Amino acid sequence: MPELRKSPIIERWVIISTERGKRPLDFKMEKRPSRGGFCPFCNGNEDKTPPEVLAYRDPLTAPNTPGWKVRVVPNKFPALQIEGDLDKRGDGIYDIMRGVGAHEVLIESPDHSKNIHHLPKEHIESILWALRDRCIDLKKDSRFRYILIFKNWGEEAGASLEHSHMQLIATPIIPKRAIEELEGAKFHYNLKERCIFCDILKHEIREQKRVISMNDHFIAIAPFASRFPFESWILPREHVSAFEKTTADWFPSLAEILKSVLARLEAVLDAPPFNFIIHTAPCKTPDLDYYHWHLEIMPKLTKVAGFEWGSGFYINPTPPEDAAEALRNVDLTCGETNAQLQQKVEEQR
């Protein structure tokens, strides 16, 4: 019998279609051949991108030359333009403003063939530091209200280039989906004087059913009302509302669990295309007691079609409990074994 599940954060229902129940092998996708050709993100092609705004590189190398480890450049075809004022105005009943913002690309590595989780943990940590540094810098601009960090991997997930990269877009308004999540979290806090995300963490550690991976500072779970098969969330185990305010000595743990979860998805689903998004507090807010930053990973295994668009419901053919079990049981050298994870969970129940 299918189940209707409601997200505890926002007013969103999901249909867990157990009668369509799909196992990992059911999602195996035909591999597309490499597109080949010229890549502007590869080592030696630094002059083919806009000048870098940040790079971690060998100390004796000049900007916009080889020798970098992580590199951030403005997007050559930006969704929003950095120049100009907002110029807010009305046109009858309609509101208009200029498309002002920042659109940057973080190139994760000079190596064209490696996705982020194929890199050493220390390199992933450098990527996360670069994201933090850019968030801090972009938040200084008084025009920006929100910074969205996301990654598209694979053509089906919207990646236009094969070379592994992330994007940052700073917007002059707070996106609708961020507002919905913030308002849902605030409603729970006003009702119970507790953060809903902290409540979810405590419940998941106690129940164990949807825990994928865990270390000293972070936990990965399959959310109770998963919209998509094998949807996975990574959350700090202590309350932090903004990504860039994460404690410095937690970054090795974040790199470790991100590498672990992505490697598990690759092992179970044969390297699926995916999107991931960092959900964080808006720019002009103090520390929020009611909001908890987190990272959402969504493998691109099913299509959103008419029913989803018309109803706002999602149909997920794989219960998150089954997905978590499949991911948890992968034995990886990059993270804890299943036995070690089980021991950690038992110790903290």
Protein backbone atom coordinates (compact mmCIF):
# COMPACT_ATOMS: atom_id res chain seq x y z
CA MET A 1 0.00 0.00 0.00
CA PRO A 2 1.48 3.41 -0.94
CA GLU A 3 2.11 5.91 1.87
CA LEU A 4 1.61 9.66 1.98
CA ARG A 5 4.35 11.30 4.03
CA LYS A 6 4.52 14.95 5.04
CA SER A 7 7.76 16.86 5.42
CA PRO A 8 8.07 18.01 9.05
CA ILE A 9 9.66 21.26 7.84
CA ILE A 10 7.35 22.56 5.11
CA GLU A 11 3.82 21.80 3.91
CA ARG A 12 4.93 19.29 1.29
CA TRP A 13 3.56 15.80 0.84
CA VAL A 14 5.35 12.90 -0.81
CA ILE A 15 3.92 9.62 -2.08
CA ILE A 16 6.16 6.70 -1.17
CA SER A 17 4.95 4.31 -3.86
CA THR A 18 5.91 0.99 -2.30
CA GLU A 19 4.00 -0.93 -4.98
CA ARG A 20 6.40 0.49 -7.55
CA GLY A 21 9.24 -0.36 -5.17
CA LYS A 22 12.53 -0.02 -6.99
CA ARG A 23 15.84 -1.52 -5.95
CA PRO A 24 19.24 0.01 -6.79
CA LEU A 25 19.71 -2.20 -9.86
CA ASP A 26 16.44 -0.90 -11.29
CA PHE A 27 17.99 2.56 -11.63
CA LYS A 28 21.06 1.53 -13.61
CA MET A 29 21.36 3.98 -16.49
CA GLU A 30 22.98 3.63 -19.86
CA LYS A 31 26.37 5.32 -19.73
CA ARG A 32 26.83 8.21 -22.09
CA PRO A 33 30.18 8.42 -23.87
CA SER A 34 32.44 11.31 -22.98
CA ARG A 35 31.68 14.35 -25.10
CA GLY A 36 35.39 15.05 -25.50
CA GLY A 37 36.56 18.23 -27.14
CA PHE A 38 37.99 21.39 -25.64
CA CYS A 39 37.50 22.09 -21.91
CA PRO A 40 38.05 25.64 -20.59
CA PHE A 41 38.37 24.34 -17.01
CA CYS A 42 41.39 22.11 -17.64
CA ASN A 43 44.93 22.93 -16.56
CA GLY A 44 46.61 25.21 -19.11
CA ASN A 45 43.35 26.81 -20.29
CA GLU A 46 43.16 29.47 -17.59
CA ASP A 47 43.07 32.25 -20.20
CA LYS A 48 39.84 30.79 -21.61
CA THR A 49 37.84 31.71 -18.47
CA PRO A 50 37.23 35.12 -16.89
CA PRO A 51 40.03 36.10 -14.46
CA GLU A 52 39.93 34.15 -11.19
CA VAL A 53 38.47 35.78 -8.07
CA LEU A 54 40.00 33.14 -5.78
CA ALA A 55 42.50 30.34 -6.23
CA TYR A 56 44.41 28.02 -3.95
CA ARG A 57 47.63 27.50 -5.87
CA ASP A 58 51.34 26.81 -5.59
CA PRO A 59 52.96 29.90 -4.02
CA LEU A 60 55.34 30.57 -6.91
CA THR A 61 52.64 30.56 -9.60
CA ALA A 62 50.91 33.67 -10.96
CA PRO A 63 47.13 34.18 -11.08
CA ASN A 64 45.37 32.73 -14.12
CA THR A 65 48.19 30.31 -14.90
CA PRO A 66 48.68 26.57 -14.21
CA GLY A 67 49.63 25.49 -10.70
CA TRP A 68 46.25 25.84 -8.98
CA LYS A 69 44.45 23.32 -6.81
CA VAL A 70 41.00 24.95 -6.57
CA ARG A 71 39.93 27.90 -8.69
CA VAL A 72 36.89 30.25 -8.63
CA VAL A 73 36.02 32.38 -11.67
CA PRO A 74 33.00 34.46 -12.72
CA ASN A 75 30.62 32.50 -14.95
CA LYS A 76 31.28 33.42 -18.57
CA PHE A 77 27.53 33.34 -19.24
CA PRO A 78 26.07 34.62 -15.94
CA ALA A 79 22.42 34.34 -14.96
CA LEU A 80 22.79 37.70 -13.17
CA GLN A 81 25.15 40.65 -13.75
CA ILE A 82 27.40 42.02 -11.00
CA GLU A 83 27.23 45.64 -12.24
CA GLY A 84 24.52 48.17 -11.48
CA ASP A 85 21.86 49.14 -8.98
CA LEU A 86 18.68 47.17 -8.38
CA ASP A 87 16.44 49.94 -9.80
CA LYS A 88 13.25 48.50 -8.27
CA ARG A 89 10.12 49.76 -9.96
CA GLY A 90 6.53 48.92 -10.75
CA ASP A 91 4.72 48.48 -14.03
CA GLY A 92 1.04 48.51 -13.13
CA ILE A 93 0.48 45.42 -10.97
CA TYR A 94 3.93 44.01 -11.86
CA ASP A 95 7.19 44.39 -9.92
CA ILE A 96 10.51 44.64 -11.75
CA MET A 97 14.15 45.04 -10.78
CA ARG A 98 17.42 44.74 -12.64
CA GLY A 99 19.01 41.31 -12.83
CA VAL A 100 21.82 42.20 -10.45
CA GLY A 101 23.76 39.47 -8.70
CA ALA A 102 26.91 37.39 -8.81
CA HIS A 103 27.37 34.09 -10.66
CA GLU A 104 30.62 32.22 -10.03
CA VAL A 105 32.04 28.81 -10.89
CA LEU A 106 34.24 26.83 -8.53
CA ILE A 107 36.47 24.46 -10.50
CA GLU A 108 37.18 21.65 -8.08
CA SER A 109 40.42 20.28 -9.55
CA PRO A 110 42.67 20.59 -12.61
CA ASP A 111 41.93 16.90 -13.31
CA HIS A 112 39.16 16.62 -15.94
CA SER A 113 38.43 12.97 -15.12
CA LYS A 114 37.71 13.22 -11.38
CA ASN A 115 34.45 14.00 -9.64
CA ILE A 116 34.67 15.61 -6.21
CA HIS A 117 34.50 12.35 -4.24
CA HIS A 118 37.38 10.87 -6.27
CA LEU A 119 39.68 13.51 -4.78
CA PRO A 120 41.62 13.09 -1.51
CA LYS A 121 39.78 14.20 1.61
CA GLU A 122 42.23 17.07 2.11
CA HIS A 123 41.46 18.38 -1.39
CA ILE A 124 37.71 18.25 -0.71
CA GLU A 125 38.35 20.23 2.45
CA SER A 126 40.07 22.92 0.32
CA ILE A 127 37.00 23.06 -1.93
CA LEU A 128 34.77 23.60 1.10
CA TRP A 129 37.07 26.34 2.39
CA ALA A 130 36.91 28.06 -0.99
CA LEU A 131 33.09 28.00 -0.84
CA ARG A 132 33.23 29.47 2.67
CA ASP A 133 35.64 32.22 1.60
CA ARG A 134 33.46 33.21 -1.35
CA CYS A 135 30.32 33.27 0.83
CA ILE A 136 31.99 35.58 3.32
CA ASP A 137 33.17 37.91 0.56
CA LEU A 138 29.86 37.98 -1.35
CA LYS A 139 27.89 38.69 1.83
CA LYS A 140 29.73 42.01 2.12
CA ASP A 141 27.76 43.29 -0.87
CA SER A 142 24.67 45.05 0.50
CA ARG A 143 22.67 44.26 -2.66
CA PHE A 144 22.69 40.50 -2.05
CA ARG A 145 20.10 38.72 0.09
CA TYR A 146 20.90 35.05 -0.54
CA ILE A 147 23.78 32.88 -1.79
CA LEU A 148 22.85 29.62 -3.45
CA ILE A 149 25.60 26.98 -3.76
CA PHE A 150 24.90 24.01 -6.01
CA LYS A 151 26.48 21.31 -8.10
CA ASN A 152 25.12 19.64 -11.24
CA TRP A 153 26.86 16.40 -12.17
CA GLY A 154 25.99 14.66 -15.41
CA GLU A 155 24.10 15.86 -18.46
CA GLU A 156 20.75 14.61 -17.09
CA ALA A 157 21.30 16.78 -13.99
CA GLY A 158 21.91 19.90 -16.04
CA ALA A 159 25.73 19.98 -16.23
CA SER A 160 26.83 21.75 -19.41
CA LEU A 161 30.50 20.78 -18.95
CA GLU A 162 31.94 17.41 -17.93
CA HIS A 163 34.74 18.89 -15.82
CA SER A 164 33.55 18.66 -12.20
CA HIS A 165 32.57 22.05 -10.79
CA MET A 166 30.14 23.89 -8.50
CA GLN A 167 28.35 27.21 -8.85
CA LEU A 168 27.53 30.09 -6.53
CA ILE A 169 24.76 32.54 -7.37
CA ALA A 170 24.15 35.57 -5.14
CA THR A 171 20.64 36.99 -5.60
CA PRO A 172 19.01 40.29 -4.58
CA ILE A 173 15.97 38.41 -3.24
CA ILE A 174 15.54 35.32 -1.05
CA PRO A 175 14.35 32.42 -3.25
CA LYS A 176 10.83 31.10 -2.70
CA ARG A 177 12.02 27.64 -1.65
CA ALA A 178 14.37 29.11 0.92
CA ILE A 179 11.53 31.26 2.32
CA GLU A 180 9.25 28.22 2.61
CA GLU A 181 11.89 26.31 4.54
CA LEU A 182 12.74 29.24 6.79
CA GLU A 183 9.06 29.88 7.58
CA GLY A 184 8.39 26.19 8.26
CA ALA A 185 11.37 26.00 10.61
CA LYS A 186 10.31 29.21 12.37
CA PHE A 187 6.75 27.92 12.85
CA HIS A 188 8.08 24.78 14.58
CA TYR A 189 10.41 26.87 16.75
CA ASN A 190 7.62 29.24 17.82
CA LEU A 191 5.46 26.25 18.71
CA LYS A 192 8.03 24.11 20.54
CA GLU A 193 11.03 26.40 21.15
CA ARG A 194 13.28 23.88 19.43
CA CYS A 195 14.94 23.70 16.03
CA ILE A 196 13.09 21.24 13.78
CA PHE A 197 16.37 20.06 12.22
CA CYS A 198 17.86 19.34 15.65
CA ASP A 199 14.71 17.37 16.47
CA ILE A 200 15.07 15.39 13.24
CA LEU A 201 18.70 14.56 14.07
CA LYS A 202 17.83 13.27 17.53
CA HIS A 203 14.99 11.16 16.15
CA GLU A 204 17.07 9.67 13.34
CA ILE A 205 19.98 8.77 15.62
CA ARG A 206 17.56 7.12 18.02
CA GLU A 207 15.62 5.21 15.35
CA GLN A 208 18.60 4.31 13.10
CA LYS A 209 16.36 3.44 10.12
CA ARG A 210 17.41 6.29 7.84
CA VAL A 211 21.01 6.95 8.95
CA ILE A 212 23.47 6.55 6.06
CA SER A 213 26.73 7.70 7.61
CA MET A 214 27.92 9.60 10.66
CA ASN A 215 31.08 11.03 12.19
CA ASP A 216 31.89 13.30 15.13
CA HIS A 217 30.41 16.47 13.62
CA PHE A 218 28.05 15.48 10.79
CA ILE A 219 25.33 12.97 9.97
CA ALA A 220 23.93 11.82 6.62
CA ILE A 221 20.35 10.61 6.44
CA ALA A 222 17.70 9.63 3.91
CA PRO A 223 14.96 12.15 4.82
CA PHE A 224 11.64 10.73 6.04
CA ALA A 225 9.65 12.40 3.24
CA SER A 226 12.23 11.88 0.48
CA ARG A 227 11.10 13.41 -2.79
CA PHE A 228 13.46 11.33 -4.90
CA PRO A 229 14.94 7.80 -4.73
CA PHE A 230 18.16 7.82 -2.70
CA GLU A 231 17.82 11.50 -1.73
CA SER A 232 20.41 12.13 0.99
CA TRP A 233 20.93 15.00 3.44
CA ILE A 234 24.09 15.95 5.33
CA LEU A 235 23.60 18.03 8.49
CA PRO A 236 25.93 19.35 11.20
CA ARG A 237 25.16 17.56 14.45
CA GLU A 238 25.35 20.79 16.42
CA HIS A 239 23.18 23.79 15.59
CA VAL A 240 24.63 26.18 12.99
CA SER A 241 22.34 28.31 10.82
CA ALA A 242 24.78 29.45 8.11
CA PHE A 243 27.24 27.32 6.17
CA GLU A 244 30.09 29.83 6.37
CA LYS A 245 29.81 29.96 10.17
CA THR A 246 30.64 26.27 10.53
CA THR A 247 33.45 25.77 13.05
CA ALA A 248 36.81 25.60 11.30
CA ASP A 249 37.86 22.28 12.81
CA TRP A 250 34.66 20.64 11.53
CA PHE A 251 35.67 20.97 7.89
CA PRO A 252 37.71 17.74 7.83
CA SER A 253 34.61 15.89 9.10
CA LEU A 254 32.43 17.56 6.45
CA ALA A 255 34.90 16.59 3.71
CA GLU A 256 34.96 13.02 5.04
CA ILE A 257 31.19 12.52 5.11
CA LEU A 258 30.60 14.23 1.74
CA LYS A 259 33.18 11.93 0.16
CA SER A 260 31.61 8.92 1.89
CA VAL A 261 28.01 9.64 0.84
CA LEU A 262 28.85 10.43 -2.79
CA ALA A 263 31.05 7.33 -3.00
CA ARG A 264 28.21 5.22 -1.59
CA LEU A 265 25.79 6.60 -4.18
CA GLU A 266 28.30 5.85 -6.93
CA ALA A 267 28.82 2.30 -5.69
CA VAL A 268 25.14 1.46 -5.25
CA LEU A 269 23.74 3.28 -8.31
CA ASP A 270 26.69 3.04 -10.73
CA ALA A 271 27.70 6.70 -10.75
CA PRO A 272 24.30 8.40 -11.25
CA PRO A 273 23.88 12.01 -12.35
CA PHE A 274 22.97 14.16 -9.36
CA ASN A 275 22.38 17.66 -8.02
CA PHE A 276 23.41 18.90 -4.65
CA ILE A 277 22.43 22.14 -2.97
CA ILE A 278 23.62 23.81 0.22
CA HIS A 279 20.64 25.24 2.13
CA THR A 280 21.84 28.09 4.35
CA ALA A 281 20.57 31.18 6.15
CA PRO A 282 20.06 34.41 4.14
CA CYS A 283 22.77 37.05 3.98
CA LYS A 284 21.35 39.76 6.21
CA THR A 285 20.36 37.65 9.20
CA PRO A 286 22.03 37.09 12.57
CA ASP A 287 22.47 33.55 13.88
CA LEU A 288 19.04 31.91 13.68
CA ASP A 289 17.95 29.67 16.54
CA TYR A 290 15.27 28.09 14.36
CA TYR A 291 17.25 27.28 11.19
CA HIS A 292 19.99 24.70 10.59
CA TRP A 293 22.09 24.68 7.41
CA HIS A 294 22.33 21.41 5.51
CA LEU A 295 23.33 19.89 2.19
CA GLU A 296 20.82 18.00 0.03
CA ILE A 297 21.97 15.45 -2.57
CA MET A 298 19.43 14.33 -5.18
CA PRO A 299 20.37 11.60 -7.68
CA LYS A 300 18.65 12.13 -11.02
CA LEU A 301 16.92 8.75 -11.29
CA THR A 302 13.29 9.65 -12.06
CA LYS A 303 11.54 12.37 -14.03
CA VAL A 304 9.28 15.06 -12.61
CA ALA A 305 6.17 14.99 -14.81
CA GLY A 306 2.59 16.26 -15.01
CA PHE A 307 1.31 14.92 -11.70
CA GLU A 308 4.23 16.42 -9.77
CA TRP A 309 3.97 19.80 -11.52
CA GLY A 310 0.20 19.90 -11.15
CA SER A 311 -0.07 18.77 -7.54
CA GLY A 312 3.19 19.74 -5.87
CA PHE A 313 3.45 16.11 -4.69
CA TYR A 314 6.45 13.95 -5.52
CA ILE A 315 6.24 10.21 -6.20
CA ASN A 316 9.19 8.25 -4.83
CA PRO A 317 9.31 4.53 -5.71
CA THR A 318 12.03 3.72 -3.15
CA PRO A 319 11.29 4.09 0.58
CA PRO A 320 14.05 6.10 2.27
CA GLU A 321 14.53 3.27 4.79
CA ASP A 322 15.46 0.92 1.93
CA ALA A 323 17.72 3.52 0.34
CA ALA A 324 19.52 4.21 3.62
CA GLU A 325 20.07 0.51 4.22
CA ALA A 326 21.53 -0.01 0.75
CA LEU A 327 23.87 2.97 1.14
CA ARG A 328 24.79 2.14 4.72
CA ASN A 329 25.82 -1.41 3.83
CA VAL A 330 28.45 -0.33 1.33
CA ASP A 331 31.89 -0.97 2.80
CA LEU A 332 34.14 1.95 1.81
CA THR A 333 37.72 2.72 2.63
CA CYS A 334 36.97 6.46 2.47
CA GLY A 335 34.73 6.40 5.52
CA GLU A 336 33.58 4.20 8.34
CA THR A 337 32.57 0.62 7.74
CA ASN A 338 28.99 -0.38 8.45
CA ALA A 339 30.07 -2.04 11.69
CA GLN A 340 31.77 1.15 12.86
CA LEU A 341 28.70 3.20 11.94
CA GLN A 342 26.43 0.82 13.84
CA GLN A 343 28.64 1.12 16.91
CA LYS A 344 28.52 4.94 16.74
CA VAL A 345 24.75 4.96 16.45
CA GLU A 346 24.35 2.55 19.36
CA GLU A 347 26.62 4.65 21.56
CA GLN A 348 24.49 7.76 21.00
CA ARG A 349 20.99 6.38 21.15
